[in-house]
């Protein structure tokens, strides 16, 4: 019984620490090159073929790839964007512009 209470307390403490860490993370507006690097890595796409006009569908970038990109962008730059905010993005440029706009708005 006592052990179970300790686990709950540890979980709450860890959760509280995680939220403090995120709020203290500085907002940085990523460059196009930094975003291209993340997209290439997370979506497993050749970096050399990425450009702002490239269609996500043509590159084979699916919603799960976008989620992976969002996690990496949040971790590296402190930018929190929900996938639902990006559903109208058809090109890399549109996706990148939304990520940058969020970073600028939150800075």
C-alpha atoms as a PDB file:
ATOM      1  CA  UNK A   1       0.000   0.000   0.000  1.00  0.00           C
ATOM      2  CA  UNK A   2       2.708   2.429   1.009  1.00  0.00           C
ATOM      3  CA  UNK A   3       4.796   1.551  -2.061  1.00  0.00           C
ATOM      4  CA  UNK A   4       1.867   2.352  -4.333  1.00  0.00           C
ATOM      5  CA  UNK A   5       1.554   5.817  -2.794  1.00  0.00           C
ATOM      6  CA  UNK A   6       5.255   6.413  -3.346  1.00  0.00           C
ATOM      7  CA  UNK A   7       4.935   5.556  -7.021  1.00  0.00           C
ATOM      8  CA  UNK A   8       2.097   8.034  -7.450  1.00  0.00           C
ATOM      9  CA  UNK A   9       4.071  10.758  -5.725  1.00  0.00           C
ATOM     10  CA  UNK A  10       7.088  10.075  -7.909  1.00  0.00           C
ATOM     11  CA  UNK A  11       4.904  10.239 -11.027  1.00  0.00           C
ATOM     12  CA  UNK A  12       3.431  13.569  -9.988  1.00  0.00           C
ATOM     13  CA  UNK A  13       6.853  14.982  -9.175  1.00  0.00           C
ATOM     14  CA  UNK A  14       8.243  13.837 -12.500  1.00  0.00           C
ATOM     15  CA  UNK A  15       5.272  15.336 -14.345  1.00  0.00           C
ATOM     16  CA  UNK A  16       5.670  18.645 -12.557  1.00  0.00           C
ATOM     17  CA  UNK A  17       9.378  18.750 -13.354  1.00  0.00           C
ATOM     18  CA  UNK A  18       8.696  18.021 -17.026  1.00  0.00           C
ATOM     19  CA  UNK A  19       6.291  20.943 -17.341  1.00  0.00           C
ATOM     20  CA  UNK A  20       8.772  23.296 -15.646  1.00  0.00           C
ATOM     21  CA  UNK A  21      11.496  22.218 -18.032  1.00  0.00           C
ATOM     22  CA  UNK A  22       9.349  22.935 -21.087  1.00  0.00           C
ATOM     23  CA  UNK A  23       8.330  26.375 -19.861  1.00  0.00           C
ATOM     24  CA  UNK A  24      11.970  27.336 -19.252  1.00  0.00           C
ATOM     25  CA  UNK A  25      13.145  26.205 -22.704  1.00  0.00           C
ATOM     26  CA  UNK A  26      13.987  29.212 -24.872  1.00  0.00           C
ATOM     27  CA  UNK A  27      12.061  29.678 -28.095  1.00  0.00           C
ATOM     28  CA  UNK A  28      14.312  29.650 -31.135  1.00  0.00           C
ATOM     29  CA  UNK A  29      13.110  30.269 -34.681  1.00  0.00           C
ATOM     30  CA  UNK A  30      14.678  27.538 -36.807  1.00  0.00           C
ATOM     31  CA  UNK A  31      16.192  28.212 -40.220  1.00  0.00           C
ATOM     32  CA  UNK A  32      14.975  26.488 -43.378  1.00  0.00           C
ATOM     33  CA  UNK A  33      18.148  24.384 -43.419  1.00  0.00           C
ATOM     34  CA  UNK A  34      17.599  23.235 -39.833  1.00  0.00           C
ATOM     35  CA  UNK A  35      14.017  22.260 -40.642  1.00  0.00           C
ATOM     36  CA  UNK A  36      15.056  20.481 -43.836  1.00  0.00           C
ATOM     37  CA  UNK A  37      17.606  18.489 -41.815  1.00  0.00           C
ATOM     38  CA  UNK A  38      14.953  17.469 -39.268  1.00  0.00           C
ATOM     39  CA  UNK A  39      12.416  16.563 -41.958  1.00  0.00           C
ATOM     40  CA  UNK A  40      14.970  14.478 -43.850  1.00  0.00           C
ATOM     41  CA  UNK A  41      15.969  12.607 -40.700  1.00  0.00           C
ATOM     42  CA  UNK A  42      12.507  12.059 -39.238  1.00  0.00           C
ATOM     43  CA  UNK A  43      10.675  11.290 -42.504  1.00  0.00           C
ATOM     44  CA  UNK A  44      13.588   9.278 -43.944  1.00  0.00           C
ATOM     45  CA  UNK A  45      13.734  11.419 -47.083  1.00  0.00           C
ATOM     46  CA  UNK A  46      16.900  12.296 -49.009  1.00  0.00           C
ATOM     47  CA  UNK A  47      17.903  15.804 -47.852  1.00  0.00           C
ATOM     48  CA  UNK A  48      19.059  16.690 -51.388  1.00  0.00           C
ATOM     49  CA  UNK A  49      15.520  16.537 -52.829  1.00  0.00           C
ATOM     50  CA  UNK A  50      13.892  18.741 -50.188  1.00  0.00           C
ATOM     51  CA  UNK A  51      12.787  22.229 -51.173  1.00  0.00           C
ATOM     52  CA  UNK A  52      10.038  24.595 -50.078  1.00  0.00           C
ATOM     53  CA  UNK A  53       7.857  23.835 -53.134  1.00  0.00           C
ATOM     54  CA  UNK A  54       7.980  20.049 -52.712  1.00  0.00           C
ATOM     55  CA  UNK A  55       4.594  18.477 -51.980  1.00  0.00           C
ATOM     56  CA  UNK A  56       4.481  16.393 -48.810  1.00  0.00           C
ATOM     57  CA  UNK A  57       2.526  13.690 -50.632  1.00  0.00           C
ATOM     58  CA  UNK A  58       5.057  13.539 -53.489  1.00  0.00           C
ATOM     59  CA  UNK A  59       7.849  13.044 -50.952  1.00  0.00           C
ATOM     60  CA  UNK A  60       5.924  10.274 -49.215  1.00  0.00           C
ATOM     61  CA  UNK A  61       5.646  12.284 -46.004  1.00  0.00           C
ATOM     62  CA  UNK A  62       2.616  10.973 -44.105  1.00  0.00           C
ATOM     63  CA  UNK A  63       0.942  12.202 -40.930  1.00  0.00           C
ATOM     64  CA  UNK A  64       3.099   9.934 -38.748  1.00  0.00           C
ATOM     65  CA  UNK A  65       6.196  11.507 -40.289  1.00  0.00           C
ATOM     66  CA  UNK A  66       4.817  14.963 -39.510  1.00  0.00           C
ATOM     67  CA  UNK A  67       4.251  13.908 -35.896  1.00  0.00           C
ATOM     68  CA  UNK A  68       7.876  12.733 -35.664  1.00  0.00           C
ATOM     69  CA  UNK A  69       9.001  16.077 -37.083  1.00  0.00           C
ATOM     70  CA  UNK A  70       6.847  17.940 -34.530  1.00  0.00           C
ATOM     71  CA  UNK A  71       8.385  16.003 -31.623  1.00  0.00           C
ATOM     72  CA  UNK A  72      11.899  16.768 -32.843  1.00  0.00           C
ATOM     73  CA  UNK A  73      11.097  20.453 -33.447  1.00  0.00           C
ATOM     74  CA  UNK A  74       9.634  20.720 -29.948  1.00  0.00           C
ATOM     75  CA  UNK A  75      12.680  19.042 -28.414  1.00  0.00           C
ATOM     76  CA  UNK A  76      15.274  21.084 -30.320  1.00  0.00           C
ATOM     77  CA  UNK A  77      13.577  24.476 -30.493  1.00  0.00           C
ATOM     78  CA  UNK A  78      10.856  24.472 -27.826  1.00  0.00           C
ATOM     79  CA  UNK A  79       8.130  24.983 -30.435  1.00  0.00           C
ATOM     80  CA  UNK A  80       4.888  23.236 -29.524  1.00  0.00           C
ATOM     81  CA  UNK A  81       2.539  22.745 -32.479  1.00  0.00           C
ATOM     82  CA  UNK A  82      -0.414  20.378 -32.638  1.00  0.00           C
ATOM     83  CA  UNK A  83      -0.688  18.205 -35.730  1.00  0.00           C
ATOM     84  CA  UNK A  84      -4.241  19.502 -36.242  1.00  0.00           C
ATOM     85  CA  UNK A  85      -2.783  22.968 -36.914  1.00  0.00           C
ATOM     86  CA  UNK A  86      -0.922  21.585 -39.930  1.00  0.00           C
ATOM     87  CA  UNK A  87      -3.657  19.642 -41.722  1.00  0.00           C
ATOM     88  CA  UNK A  88      -3.933  22.237 -44.493  1.00  0.00           C
ATOM     89  CA  UNK A  89      -0.200  22.109 -45.289  1.00  0.00           C
ATOM     90  CA  UNK A  90       0.445  20.592 -48.707  1.00  0.00           C
ATOM     91  CA  UNK A  91       4.074  21.644 -49.268  1.00  0.00           C
ATOM     92  CA  UNK A  92       7.221  21.698 -47.162  1.00  0.00           C
ATOM     93  CA  UNK A  93       7.205  25.484 -47.370  1.00  0.00           C
ATOM     94  CA  UNK A  94       3.714  25.696 -45.870  1.00  0.00           C
ATOM     95  CA  UNK A  95       4.694  23.305 -43.084  1.00  0.00           C
ATOM     96  CA  UNK A  96       7.889  25.201 -42.349  1.00  0.00           C
ATOM     97  CA  UNK A  97       6.138  28.592 -42.419  1.00  0.00           C
ATOM     98  CA  UNK A  98       3.614  27.404 -39.815  1.00  0.00           C
ATOM     99  CA  UNK A  99       6.379  26.097 -37.558  1.00  0.00           C
ATOM    100  CA  UNK A 100       8.302  29.354 -37.852  1.00  0.00           C
ATOM    101  CA  UNK A 101       5.181  31.470 -37.311  1.00  0.00           C
ATOM    102  CA  UNK A 102       4.451  29.580 -34.087  1.00  0.00           C
ATOM    103  CA  UNK A 103       8.026  30.099 -32.905  1.00  0.00           C
ATOM    104  CA  UNK A 104       7.833  33.826 -33.643  1.00  0.00           C
ATOM    105  CA  UNK A 105       4.426  34.161 -31.949  1.00  0.00           C
ATOM    106  CA  UNK A 106       5.626  32.353 -28.817  1.00  0.00           C
ATOM    107  CA  UNK A 107       8.973  34.190 -28.605  1.00  0.00           C
END
